[in-house]
Every structure is written in C-alpha cells, then in structure tokens.
Amino acid sequence: MVLLFLSTQELIFAGLVVVLLFGSKKIPEIARGMGKGIREFKNATSDIQEEIRKTSKEVTDQVDITKTSKPKKSNPEK
C-alpha cells in the first residue's frame, strides 16, 4: 500500500508515534477537533465562493445594463 509516498511500515510507525505522544484516549478527541476544523474551513470557503459569484453576477448585470442603455448623442454642429 502506497499513500502519499509512504510505505505501510512508515504508516504503522507514524501511528505508533501518535499513540505514544497523545495516548489512545486522546486520539478520538483530536480527530473530532480536526474534523470540525476541516468542516468550518469548507463552510468558510463555500461562503467566500458564493459571495464572489454573487458579486460577479451583480457586476455582469451592471455592465449589461450599461451596454444596453442608449448613449446620449452629442451635437457636433454647434
């Protein structure tokens, strides 16, 4: 099994190090915290994308209105 250029032995070693550092009771709590953080990050990015789409649509609509409105004719013969 190769995951991000890590062999199975390296993944097992990394897992053992995590268990030794944090203890087996803390790992689910850490994973939940990371999951919440990732979820909040995704929500924030989707909110930003929606705001950009909305602003882009408003600007496009404003440009379309300006293009469709008739320009005032100036009288060059004064």
Foldseek 3Di string as FASTA:
>chain_A
DADPNDDPVRVVVVVVVVCVVQNPVCVVVVVVVVVVVVVVVVVVVVVVVVVVVVVVVVVVVVVVVVVPDDDDDDDPPD
